Amino acid sequence: EGHLSERVGAARMVQQALRFIANNGPYSPQDRWEE
């Protein structure tokens, strides 16, 4: 939507999150109901 004022910090966050997903997914230790 053109509302991301600081792309550098967001890009670093995204890269780290996707790295975690790639190395730990697709099975999750907990579902969204935390059970």
Full PDB file with SEQRES, HELIX, SHEET, SSBOND, CRYST1, ORIGX, SCALE, CONECT and MASTER records, all heavy atoms in Angstrom:
SEQRES   1 A   35  GLU GLY HIS LEU SER GLU ARG VAL GLY ALA ALA ARG MET          
SEQRES   2 A   35  VAL GLN GLN ALA LEU ARG PHE ILE ALA ASN ASN GLY PRO          
SEQRES   3 A   35  TYR SER PRO GLN ASP ARG TRP GLU GLU                          
HELIX    1 AA1 ARG A    7  ASN A   24  1                                  18    
CRYST1    1.000    1.000    1.000  90.00  90.00  90.00 P 1           1          
ORIGX1      1.000000  0.000000  0.000000        0.00000                         
ORIGX2      0.000000  1.000000  0.000000        0.00000                         
ORIGX3      0.000000  0.000000  1.000000        0.00000                         
SCALE1      1.000000  0.000000  0.000000        0.00000                         
SCALE2      0.000000  1.000000  0.000000        0.00000                         
SCALE3      0.000000  0.000000  1.000000        0.00000                         
ATOM      1  N   GLU A   1       0.812  -1.213   0.000  1.00  0.00           N  
ATOM      2  CA  GLU A   1       0.000   0.000   0.000  1.00  0.00           C  
ATOM      3  C   GLU A   1       0.848   1.267   0.000  1.00  0.00           C  
ATOM      4  O   GLU A   1       0.314   2.373   0.086  1.00  0.00           O  
ATOM      5  CB  GLU A   1      -0.919  -0.004   1.225  1.00  0.00           C  
ATOM      6  CG  GLU A   1      -1.926  -1.138   1.248  1.00  0.00           C  
ATOM      7  CD  GLU A   1      -2.955  -1.027   0.145  1.00  0.00           C  
ATOM      8  OE1 GLU A   1      -3.375   0.110  -0.163  1.00  0.00           O  
ATOM      9  OE2 GLU A   1      -3.332  -2.065  -0.425  1.00  0.00           O  
ATOM     10  N   GLY A   2       2.170   1.113  -0.061  1.00  0.00           N  
ATOM     11  CA  GLY A   2       3.053   2.273  -0.056  1.00  0.00           C  
ATOM     12  C   GLY A   2       3.196   2.926   1.301  1.00  0.00           C  
ATOM     13  O   GLY A   2       3.516   4.115   1.397  1.00  0.00           O  
ATOM     14  N   HIS A   3       2.989   2.152   2.379  1.00  0.00           N  
ATOM     15  CA  HIS A   3       2.996   2.702   3.733  1.00  0.00           C  
ATOM     16  C   HIS A   3       4.171   2.219   4.567  1.00  0.00           C  
ATOM     17  O   HIS A   3       4.158   2.390   5.788  1.00  0.00           O  
ATOM     18  CB  HIS A   3       1.695   2.344   4.448  1.00  0.00           C  
ATOM     19  CG  HIS A   3       0.467   2.919   3.812  1.00  0.00           C  
ATOM     20  ND1 HIS A   3      -0.762   2.298   3.840  1.00  0.00           N  
ATOM     21  CD2 HIS A   3       0.290   4.065   3.105  1.00  0.00           C  
ATOM     22  CE1 HIS A   3      -1.649   3.034   3.185  1.00  0.00           C  
ATOM     23  NE2 HIS A   3      -1.038   4.116   2.731  1.00  0.00           N  
ATOM     24  N   LEU A   4       5.172   1.619   3.930  1.00  0.00           N  
ATOM     25  CA  LEU A   4       6.316   1.125   4.685  1.00  0.00           C  
ATOM     26  C   LEU A   4       7.393   2.192   4.658  1.00  0.00           C  
ATOM     27  O   LEU A   4       8.123   2.348   3.679  1.00  0.00           O  
ATOM     28  CB  LEU A   4       6.831  -0.185   4.079  1.00  0.00           C  
ATOM     29  CG  LEU A   4       7.850  -0.947   4.918  1.00  0.00           C  
ATOM     30  CD1 LEU A   4       7.267  -1.322   6.267  1.00  0.00           C  
ATOM     31  CD2 LEU A   4       8.304  -2.208   4.181  1.00  0.00           C  
ATOM     32  N   SER A   5       7.508   2.932   5.758  1.00  0.00           N  
ATOM     33  CA  SER A   5       8.404   4.087   5.770  1.00  0.00           C  
ATOM     34  C   SER A   5       9.865   3.694   5.898  1.00  0.00           C  
ATOM     35  O   SER A   5      10.745   4.386   5.387  1.00  0.00           O  
ATOM     36  CB  SER A   5       8.026   5.025   6.931  1.00  0.00           C  
ATOM     37  OG  SER A   5       8.093   4.329   8.166  1.00  0.00           O  
ATOM     38  N   GLU A   6      10.166   2.593   6.582  1.00  0.00           N  
ATOM     39  CA  GLU A   6      11.547   2.169   6.794  1.00  0.00           C  
ATOM     40  C   GLU A   6      11.711   0.750   6.284  1.00  0.00           C  
ATOM     41  O   GLU A   6      11.416  -0.213   6.972  1.00  0.00           O  
ATOM     42  CB  GLU A   6      11.909   2.250   8.289  1.00  0.00           C  
ATOM     43  CG  GLU A   6      13.314   1.796   8.615  1.00  0.00           C  
ATOM     44  CD  GLU A   6      14.370   2.454   7.736  1.00  0.00           C  
ATOM     45  OE1 GLU A   6      14.557   3.671   7.848  1.00  0.00           O  
ATOM     46  OE2 GLU A   6      14.986   1.735   6.919  1.00  0.00           O  
ATOM     47  N   ARG A   7      12.194   0.638   5.047  1.00  0.00           N  
ATOM     48  CA  ARG A   7      12.253  -0.677   4.413  1.00  0.00           C  
ATOM     49  C   ARG A   7      13.437  -1.503   4.903  1.00  0.00           C  
ATOM     50  O   ARG A   7      13.376  -2.736   4.926  1.00  0.00           O  
ATOM     51  CB  ARG A   7      12.311  -0.517   2.894  1.00  0.00           C  
ATOM     52  CG  ARG A   7      12.104  -1.824   2.138  1.00  0.00           C  
ATOM     53  CD  ARG A   7      12.070  -1.617   0.636  1.00  0.00           C  
ATOM     54  NE  ARG A   7      11.916  -2.878  -0.058  1.00  0.00           N  
ATOM     55  CZ  ARG A   7      10.771  -3.449  -0.372  1.00  0.00           C  
ATOM     56  NH1 ARG A   7       9.637  -2.851  -0.018  1.00  0.00           N  
ATOM     57  NH2 ARG A   7      10.721  -4.602  -1.015  1.00  0.00           N  
ATOM     58  N   VAL A   8      14.520  -0.845   5.305  1.00  0.00           N  
ATOM     59  CA  VAL A   8      15.731  -1.586   5.666  1.00  0.00           C  
ATOM     60  C   VAL A   8      15.479  -2.477   6.879  1.00  0.00           C  
ATOM     61  O   VAL A   8      15.781  -3.672   6.869  1.00  0.00           O  
ATOM     62  CB  VAL A   8      16.895  -0.617   5.945  1.00  0.00           C  
ATOM     63  CG1 VAL A   8      18.105  -1.385   6.458  1.00  0.00           C  
ATOM     64  CG2 VAL A   8      17.260   0.144   4.672  1.00  0.00           C  
ATOM     65  N   GLY A   9      14.916  -1.895   7.943  1.00  0.00           N  
ATOM     66  CA  GLY A   9      14.642  -2.687   9.132  1.00  0.00           C  
ATOM     67  C   GLY A   9      13.646  -3.787   8.861  1.00  0.00           C  
ATOM     68  O   GLY A   9      13.798  -4.916   9.354  1.00  0.00           O  
ATOM     69  N   ALA A  10      12.611  -3.490   8.071  1.00  0.00           N  
ATOM     70  CA  ALA A  10      11.615  -4.507   7.737  1.00  0.00           C  
ATOM     71  C   ALA A  10      12.233  -5.619   6.906  1.00  0.00           C  
ATOM     72  O   ALA A  10      11.931  -6.805   7.106  1.00  0.00           O  
ATOM     73  CB  ALA A  10      10.451  -3.864   6.987  1.00  0.00           C  
ATOM     74  N   ALA A  11      13.105  -5.258   5.966  1.00  0.00           N  
ATOM     75  CA  ALA A  11      13.743  -6.273   5.119  1.00  0.00           C  
ATOM     76  C   ALA A  11      14.604  -7.213   5.948  1.00  0.00           C  
ATOM     77  O   ALA A  11      14.621  -8.435   5.722  1.00  0.00           O  
ATOM     78  CB  ALA A  11      14.580  -5.598   4.035  1.00  0.00           C  
ATOM     79  N   ARG A  12      15.310  -6.670   6.911  1.00  0.00           N  
ATOM     80  CA  ARG A  12      16.136  -7.512   7.786  1.00  0.00           C  
ATOM     81  C   ARG A  12      15.256  -8.448   8.608  1.00  0.00           C  
ATOM     82  O   ARG A  12      15.562  -9.632   8.769  1.00  0.00           O  
ATOM     83  CB  ARG A  12      16.983  -6.626   8.689  1.00  0.00           C  
ATOM     84  CG  ARG A  12      17.966  -7.388   9.569  1.00  0.00           C  
ATOM     85  CD  ARG A  12      18.982  -6.447  10.203  1.00  0.00           C  
ATOM     86  NE  ARG A  12      18.348  -5.347  10.928  1.00  0.00           N  
ATOM     87  CZ  ARG A  12      18.367  -4.074  10.537  1.00  0.00           C  
ATOM     88  NH1 ARG A  12      19.003  -3.729   9.408  1.00  0.00           N  
ATOM     89  NH2 ARG A  12      17.783  -3.134  11.254  1.00  0.00           N  
ATOM     90  N   MET A  13      14.145  -7.921   9.125  1.00  0.00           N  
ATOM     91  CA  MET A  13      13.214  -8.750   9.878  1.00  0.00           C  
ATOM     92  C   MET A  13      12.663  -9.870   9.013  1.00  0.00           C  
ATOM     93  O   MET A  13      12.602 -11.036   9.415  1.00  0.00           O  
ATOM     94  CB  MET A  13      12.075  -7.889  10.424  1.00  0.00           C  
ATOM     95  CG  MET A  13      10.997  -8.668  11.175  1.00  0.00           C  
ATOM     96  SD  MET A  13       9.680  -9.359  10.111  1.00  0.00           S  
ATOM     97  CE  MET A  13       8.757  -7.876   9.741  1.00  0.00           C  
ATOM     98  N   VAL A  14      12.241  -9.534   7.788  1.00  0.00           N  
ATOM     99  CA  VAL A  14      11.664 -10.515   6.882  1.00  0.00           C  
ATOM    100  C   VAL A  14      12.677 -11.615   6.556  1.00  0.00           C  
ATOM    101  O   VAL A  14      12.350 -12.812   6.589  1.00  0.00           O  
ATOM    102  CB  VAL A  14      11.160  -9.831   5.596  1.00  0.00           C  
ATOM    103  CG1 VAL A  14      10.834 -10.870   4.528  1.00  0.00           C  
ATOM    104  CG2 VAL A  14       9.946  -8.965   5.890  1.00  0.00           C  
ATOM    105  N   GLN A  15      13.889 -11.225   6.253  1.00  0.00           N  
ATOM    106  CA  GLN A  15      14.906 -12.224   5.913  1.00  0.00           C  
ATOM    107  C   GLN A  15      15.131 -13.187   7.079  1.00  0.00           C  
ATOM    108  O   GLN A  15      15.209 -14.406   6.887  1.00  0.00           O  
ATOM    109  CB  GLN A  15      16.214 -11.542   5.538  1.00  0.00           C  
ATOM    110  CG  GLN A  15      17.318 -12.529   5.135  1.00  0.00           C  
ATOM    111  CD  GLN A  15      18.631 -11.836   4.839  1.00  0.00           C  
ATOM    112  OE1 GLN A  15      19.002 -10.908   5.552  1.00  0.00           O  
ATOM    113  NE2 GLN A  15      19.314 -12.273   3.800  1.00  0.00           N  
ATOM    114  N   GLN A  16      15.229 -12.662   8.286  1.00  0.00           N  
ATOM    115  CA  GLN A  16      15.461 -13.515   9.444  1.00  0.00           C  
ATOM    116  C   GLN A  16      14.256 -14.423   9.706  1.00  0.00           C  
ATOM    117  O   GLN A  16      14.420 -15.604  10.051  1.00  0.00           O  
ATOM    118  CB  GLN A  16      15.752 -12.652  10.670  1.00  0.00           C  
ATOM    119  CG  GLN A  16      17.071 -11.902  10.592  1.00  0.00           C  
ATOM    120  CD  GLN A  16      17.242 -10.914  11.741  1.00  0.00           C  
ATOM    121  OE1 GLN A  16      16.272 -10.409  12.294  1.00  0.00           O  
ATOM    122  NE2 GLN A  16      18.482 -10.635  12.093  1.00  0.00           N  
ATOM    123  N   ALA A  17      13.041 -13.888   9.560  1.00  0.00           N  
ATOM    124  CA  ALA A  17      11.846 -14.698   9.784  1.00  0.00           C  
ATOM    125  C   ALA A  17      11.746 -15.820   8.753  1.00  0.00           C  
ATOM    126  O   ALA A  17      11.445 -16.972   9.098  1.00  0.00           O  
ATOM    127  CB  ALA A  17      10.599 -13.814   9.735  1.00  0.00           C  
ATOM    128  N   LEU A  18      11.996 -15.503   7.490  1.00  0.00           N  
ATOM    129  CA  LEU A  18      11.908 -16.521   6.454  1.00  0.00           C  
ATOM    130  C   LEU A  18      13.010 -17.558   6.598  1.00  0.00           C  
ATOM    131  O   LEU A  18      12.802 -18.744   6.301  1.00  0.00           O  
ATOM    132  CB  LEU A  18      11.945 -15.878   5.068  1.00  0.00           C  
ATOM    133  CG  LEU A  18      10.754 -14.972   4.723  1.00  0.00           C  
ATOM    134  CD1 LEU A  18      10.818 -14.537   3.269  1.00  0.00           C  
ATOM    135  CD2 LEU A  18       9.427 -15.658   5.015  1.00  0.00           C  
ATOM    136  N   ARG A  19      14.169 -17.139   7.040  1.00  0.00           N  
ATOM    137  CA  ARG A  19      15.236 -18.105   7.304  1.00  0.00           C  
ATOM    138  C   ARG A  19      14.791 -19.093   8.394  1.00  0.00           C  
ATOM    139  O   ARG A  19      15.032 -20.295   8.287  1.00  0.00           O  
ATOM    140  CB  ARG A  19      16.505 -17.372   7.736  1.00  0.00           C  
ATOM    141  CG  ARG A  19      17.692 -18.284   8.046  1.00  0.00           C  
ATOM    142  CD  ARG A  19      18.885 -17.456   8.497  1.00  0.00           C  
ATOM    143  NE  ARG A  19      19.477 -16.744   7.385  1.00  0.00           N  
ATOM    144  CZ  ARG A  19      20.598 -17.116   6.756  1.00  0.00           C  
ATOM    145  NH1 ARG A  19      21.239 -18.196   7.150  1.00  0.00           N  
ATOM    146  NH2 ARG A  19      21.073 -16.415   5.762  1.00  0.00           N  
ATOM    147  N   PHE A  20      14.138 -18.552   9.435  1.00  0.00           N  
ATOM    148  CA  PHE A  20      13.664 -19.435  10.504  1.00  0.00           C  
ATOM    149  C   PHE A  20      12.600 -20.394   9.977  1.00  0.00           C  
ATOM    150  O   PHE A  20      12.614 -21.595  10.287  1.00  0.00           O  
ATOM    151  CB  PHE A  20      13.104 -18.609  11.657  1.00  0.00           C  
ATOM    152  CG  PHE A  20      12.790 -19.430  12.873  1.00  0.00           C  
ATOM    153  CD1 PHE A  20      13.753 -19.642  13.846  1.00  0.00           C  
ATOM    154  CD2 PHE A  20      11.539 -20.005  13.052  1.00  0.00           C  
ATOM    155  CE1 PHE A  20      13.478 -20.417  14.972  1.00  0.00           C  
ATOM    156  CE2 PHE A  20      11.249 -20.783  14.163  1.00  0.00           C  
ATOM    157  CZ  PHE A  20      12.232 -20.986  15.118  1.00  0.00           C  
ATOM    158  N   ILE A  21      11.670 -19.889   9.182  1.00  0.00           N  
ATOM    159  CA  ILE A  21      10.617 -20.738   8.616  1.00  0.00           C  
ATOM    160  C   ILE A  21      11.223 -21.815   7.727  1.00  0.00           C  
ATOM    161  O   ILE A  21      10.854 -22.997   7.810  1.00  0.00           O  
ATOM    162  CB  ILE A  21       9.604 -19.883   7.833  1.00  0.00           C  
ATOM    163  CG1 ILE A  21       8.776 -19.030   8.803  1.00  0.00           C  
ATOM    164  CG2 ILE A  21       8.684 -20.754   6.990  1.00  0.00           C  
ATOM    165  CD1 ILE A  21       7.928 -17.975   8.128  1.00  0.00           C  
ATOM    166  N   ALA A  22      12.156 -21.425   6.874  1.00  0.00           N  
ATOM    167  CA  ALA A  22      12.764 -22.388   5.962  1.00  0.00           C  
ATOM    168  C   ALA A  22      13.485 -23.494   6.708  1.00  0.00           C  
ATOM    169  O   ALA A  22      13.508 -24.650   6.262  1.00  0.00           O  
ATOM    170  CB  ALA A  22      13.730 -21.667   5.022  1.00  0.00           C  
ATOM    171  N   ASN A  23      14.061 -23.175   7.850  1.00  0.00           N  
ATOM    172  CA  ASN A  23      14.848 -24.165   8.584  1.00  0.00           C  
ATOM    173  C   ASN A  23      14.059 -24.910   9.648  1.00  0.00           C  
ATOM    174  O   ASN A  23      14.557 -25.897  10.196  1.00  0.00           O  
ATOM    175  CB  ASN A  23      16.060 -23.486   9.228  1.00  0.00           C  
ATOM    176  CG  ASN A  23      17.163 -23.208   8.235  1.00  0.00           C  
ATOM    177  OD1 ASN A  23      17.887 -24.113   7.830  1.00  0.00           O  
ATOM    178  ND2 ASN A  23      17.270 -21.959   7.791  1.00  0.00           N  
ATOM    179  N   ASN A  24      12.830 -24.457   9.946  1.00  0.00           N  
ATOM    180  CA  ASN A  24      12.048 -25.100  10.996  1.00  0.00           C  
ATOM    181  C   ASN A  24      10.667 -25.553  10.541  1.00  0.00           C  
ATOM    182  O   ASN A  24      10.014 -26.326  11.253  1.00  0.00           O  
ATOM    183  CB  ASN A  24      11.909 -24.157  12.188  1.00  0.00           C  
ATOM    184  CG  ASN A  24      13.223 -23.886  12.877  1.00  0.00           C  
ATOM    185  OD1 ASN A  24      13.664 -24.642  13.730  1.00  0.00           O  
ATOM    186  ND2 ASN A  24      13.885 -22.800  12.486  1.00  0.00           N  
ATOM    187  N   GLY A  25      10.201 -25.088   9.385  1.00  0.00           N  
ATOM    188  CA  GLY A  25       8.907 -25.507   8.876  1.00  0.00           C  
ATOM    189  C   GLY A  25       9.030 -26.807   8.105  1.00  0.00           C  
ATOM    190  O   GLY A  25      10.118 -27.340   7.940  1.00  0.00           O  
ATOM    191  N   PRO A  26       7.928 -27.304   7.616  1.00  0.00           N  
ATOM    192  CA  PRO A  26       6.565 -26.747   7.684  1.00  0.00           C  
ATOM    193  C   PRO A  26       5.802 -27.130   8.954  1.00  0.00           C  
ATOM    194  O   PRO A  26       4.792 -26.538   9.267  1.00  0.00           O  
ATOM    195  CB  PRO A  26       5.890 -27.340   6.457  1.00  0.00           C  
ATOM    196  CG  PRO A  26       6.526 -28.693   6.316  1.00  0.00           C  
ATOM    197  CD  PRO A  26       7.971 -28.493   6.730  1.00  0.00           C  
ATOM    198  N   TYR A  27       6.287 -28.156   9.673  1.00  0.00           N  
ATOM    199  CA  TYR A  27       5.585 -28.564  10.890  1.00  0.00           C  
ATOM    200  C   TYR A  27       5.861 -27.572  12.006  1.00  0.00           C  
ATOM    201  O   TYR A  27       7.002 -27.191  12.234  1.00  0.00           O  
ATOM    202  CB  TYR A  27       6.029 -29.960  11.326  1.00  0.00           C  
ATOM    203  CG  TYR A  27       5.777 -31.048  10.314  1.00  0.00           C  
ATOM    204  CD1 TYR A  27       6.752 -31.992  10.027  1.00  0.00           C  
ATOM    205  CD2 TYR A  27       4.566 -31.134   9.636  1.00  0.00           C  
ATOM    206  CE1 TYR A  27       6.525 -32.997   9.098  1.00  0.00           C  
ATOM    207  CE2 TYR A  27       4.331 -32.124   8.707  1.00  0.00           C  
ATOM    208  CZ  TYR A  27       5.317 -33.061   8.443  1.00  0.00           C  
ATOM    209  OH  TYR A  27       5.086 -34.048   7.520  1.00  0.00           O  
ATOM    210  N   SER A  28       4.817 -27.191  12.731  1.00  0.00           N  
ATOM    211  CA  SER A  28       4.963 -26.209  13.806  1.00  0.00           C  
ATOM    212  C   SER A  28       4.936 -26.906  15.160  1.00  0.00           C  
ATOM    213  O   SER A  28       4.140 -27.830  15.371  1.00  0.00           O  
ATOM    214  CB  SER A  28       3.823 -25.184  13.734  1.00  0.00           C  
ATOM    215  OG  SER A  28       3.915 -24.249  14.785  1.00  0.00           O  
ATOM    216  N   PRO A  29       5.777 -26.464  16.105  1.00  0.00           N  
ATOM    217  CA  PRO A  29       5.719 -27.038  17.456  1.00  0.00           C  
ATOM    218  C   PRO A  29       4.374 -26.836  18.147  1.00  0.00           C  
ATOM    219  O   PRO A  29       4.018 -27.600  19.033  1.00  0.00           O  
ATOM    220  CB  PRO A  29       6.834 -26.300  18.195  1.00  0.00           C  
ATOM    221  CG  PRO A  29       7.781 -25.872  17.128  1.00  0.00           C  
ATOM    222  CD  PRO A  29       6.910 -25.541  15.950  1.00  0.00           C  
ATOM    223  N   GLN A  30       3.646 -25.784  17.753  1.00  0.00           N  
ATOM    224  CA  GLN A  30       2.294 -25.561  18.264  1.00  0.00           C  
ATOM    225  C   GLN A  30       1.418 -25.019  17.150  1.00  0.00           C  
ATOM    226  O   GLN A  30       1.891 -24.275  16.279  1.00  0.00           O  
ATOM    227  CB  GLN A  30       2.276 -24.556  19.421  1.00  0.00           C  
ATOM    228  CG  GLN A  30       2.789 -25.068  20.750  1.00  0.00           C  
ATOM    229  CD  GLN A  30       2.622 -24.043  21.859  1.00  0.00           C  
ATOM    230  OE1 GLN A  30       2.356 -22.873  21.614  1.00  0.00           O  
ATOM    231  NE2 GLN A  30       2.779 -24.481  23.091  1.00  0.00           N  
ATOM    232  N   ASP A  31       0.126 -25.390  17.179  1.00  0.00           N  
ATOM    233  CA  ASP A  31      -0.830 -24.787  16.259  1.00  0.00           C  
ATOM    234  C   ASP A  31      -1.287 -23.444  16.829  1.00  0.00           C  
ATOM    235  O   ASP A  31      -0.840 -23.027  17.892  1.00  0.00           O  
ATOM    236  CB  ASP A  31      -2.013 -25.728  16.028  1.00  0.00           C  
ATOM    237  CG  ASP A  31      -2.842 -25.943  17.300  1.00  0.00           C  
ATOM    238  OD1 ASP A  31      -2.321 -25.723  18.403  1.00  0.00           O  
ATOM    239  OD2 ASP A  31      -4.015 -26.336  17.183  1.00  0.00           O  
ATOM    240  N   ARG A  32      -2.193 -22.785  16.124  1.00  0.00           N  
ATOM    241  CA  ARG A  32      -2.595 -21.445  16.569  1.00  0.00           C  
ATOM    242  C   ARG A  32      -3.434 -21.486  17.840  1.00  0.00           C  
ATOM    243  O   ARG A  32      -3.606 -20.457  18.496  1.00  0.00           O  
ATOM    244  CB  ARG A  32      -3.348 -20.702  15.464  1.00  0.00           C  
ATOM    245  CG  ARG A  32      -4.715 -21.263  15.095  1.00  0.00           C  
ATOM    246  CD  ARG A  32      -5.436 -20.296  14.168  1.00  0.00           C  
ATOM    247  NE  ARG A  32      -6.703 -20.830  13.677  1.00  0.00           N  
ATOM    248  CZ  ARG A  32      -7.636 -20.087  13.100  1.00  0.00           C  
ATOM    249  NH1 ARG A  32      -7.448 -18.792  12.951  1.00  0.00           N  
ATOM    250  NH2 ARG A  32      -8.753 -20.623  12.666  1.00  0.00           N  
ATOM    251  N   TRP A  33      -3.950 -22.671  18.192  1.00  0.00           N  
ATOM    252  CA  TRP A  33      -4.680 -22.805  19.451  1.00  0.00           C  
ATOM    253  C   TRP A  33      -3.747 -23.217  20.580  1.00  0.00           C  
ATOM    254  O   TRP A  33      -4.203 -23.522  21.676  1.00  0.00           O  
ATOM    255  CB  TRP A  33      -5.829 -23.798  19.296  1.00  0.00           C  
ATOM    256  CG  TRP A  33      -6.780 -23.412  18.207  1.00  0.00           C  
ATOM    257  CD1 TRP A  33      -7.103 -24.138  17.097  1.00  0.00           C  
ATOM    258  CD2 TRP A  33      -7.523 -22.188  18.089  1.00  0.00           C  
ATOM    259  NE1 TRP A  33      -8.001 -23.451  16.312  1.00  0.00           N  
ATOM    260  CE2 TRP A  33      -8.277 -22.248  16.894  1.00  0.00           C  
ATOM    261  CE3 TRP A  33      -7.622 -21.049  18.893  1.00  0.00           C  
ATOM    262  CZ2 TRP A  33      -9.117 -21.214  16.477  1.00  0.00           C  
ATOM    263  CZ3 TRP A  33      -8.458 -20.015  18.474  1.00  0.00           C  
ATOM    264  CH2 TRP A  33      -9.195 -20.106  17.287  1.00  0.00           C  
ATOM    265  N   GLU A  34      -2.456 -23.249  20.303  1.00  0.00           N  
ATOM    266  CA  GLU A  34      -1.410 -23.390  21.311  1.00  0.00           C  
ATOM    267  C   GLU A  34      -1.464 -24.733  22.028  1.00  0.00           C  
ATOM    268  O   GLU A  34      -1.137 -24.846  23.200  1.00  0.00           O  
ATOM    269  CB  GLU A  34      -1.494 -22.240  22.325  1.00  0.00           C  
ATOM    270  CG  GLU A  34      -1.520 -20.888  21.637  1.00  0.00           C  
ATOM    271  CD  GLU A  34      -1.464 -19.703  22.586  1.00  0.00           C  
ATOM    272  OE1 GLU A  34      -2.366 -19.583  23.423  1.00  0.00           O  
ATOM    273  OE2 GLU A  34      -0.520 -18.917  22.459  1.00  0.00           O  
ATOM    274  N   GLU A  35      -1.858 -25.765  21.297  1.00  0.00           N  
ATOM    275  CA  GLU A  35      -2.071 -27.047  21.949  1.00  0.00           C  
ATOM    276  C   GLU A  35      -1.275 -28.199  21.353  1.00  0.00           C  
ATOM    277  O   GLU A  35      -0.850 -29.084  22.092  1.00  0.00           O  
ATOM    278  CB  GLU A  35      -3.567 -27.398  21.925  1.00  0.00           C  
ATOM    279  CG  GLU A  35      -4.405 -26.427  22.730  1.00  0.00           C  
ATOM    280  CD  GLU A  35      -5.883 -26.749  22.729  1.00  0.00           C  
ATOM    281  OE1 GLU A  35      -6.281 -27.727  22.051  1.00  0.00           O  
ATOM    282  OE2 GLU A  35      -6.645 -26.041  23.396  1.00  0.00           O  
TER     283      GLU A  35                                                      
MASTER        0    0    0    1    0    0    0    6  282    1    0    3          
END                                                                             
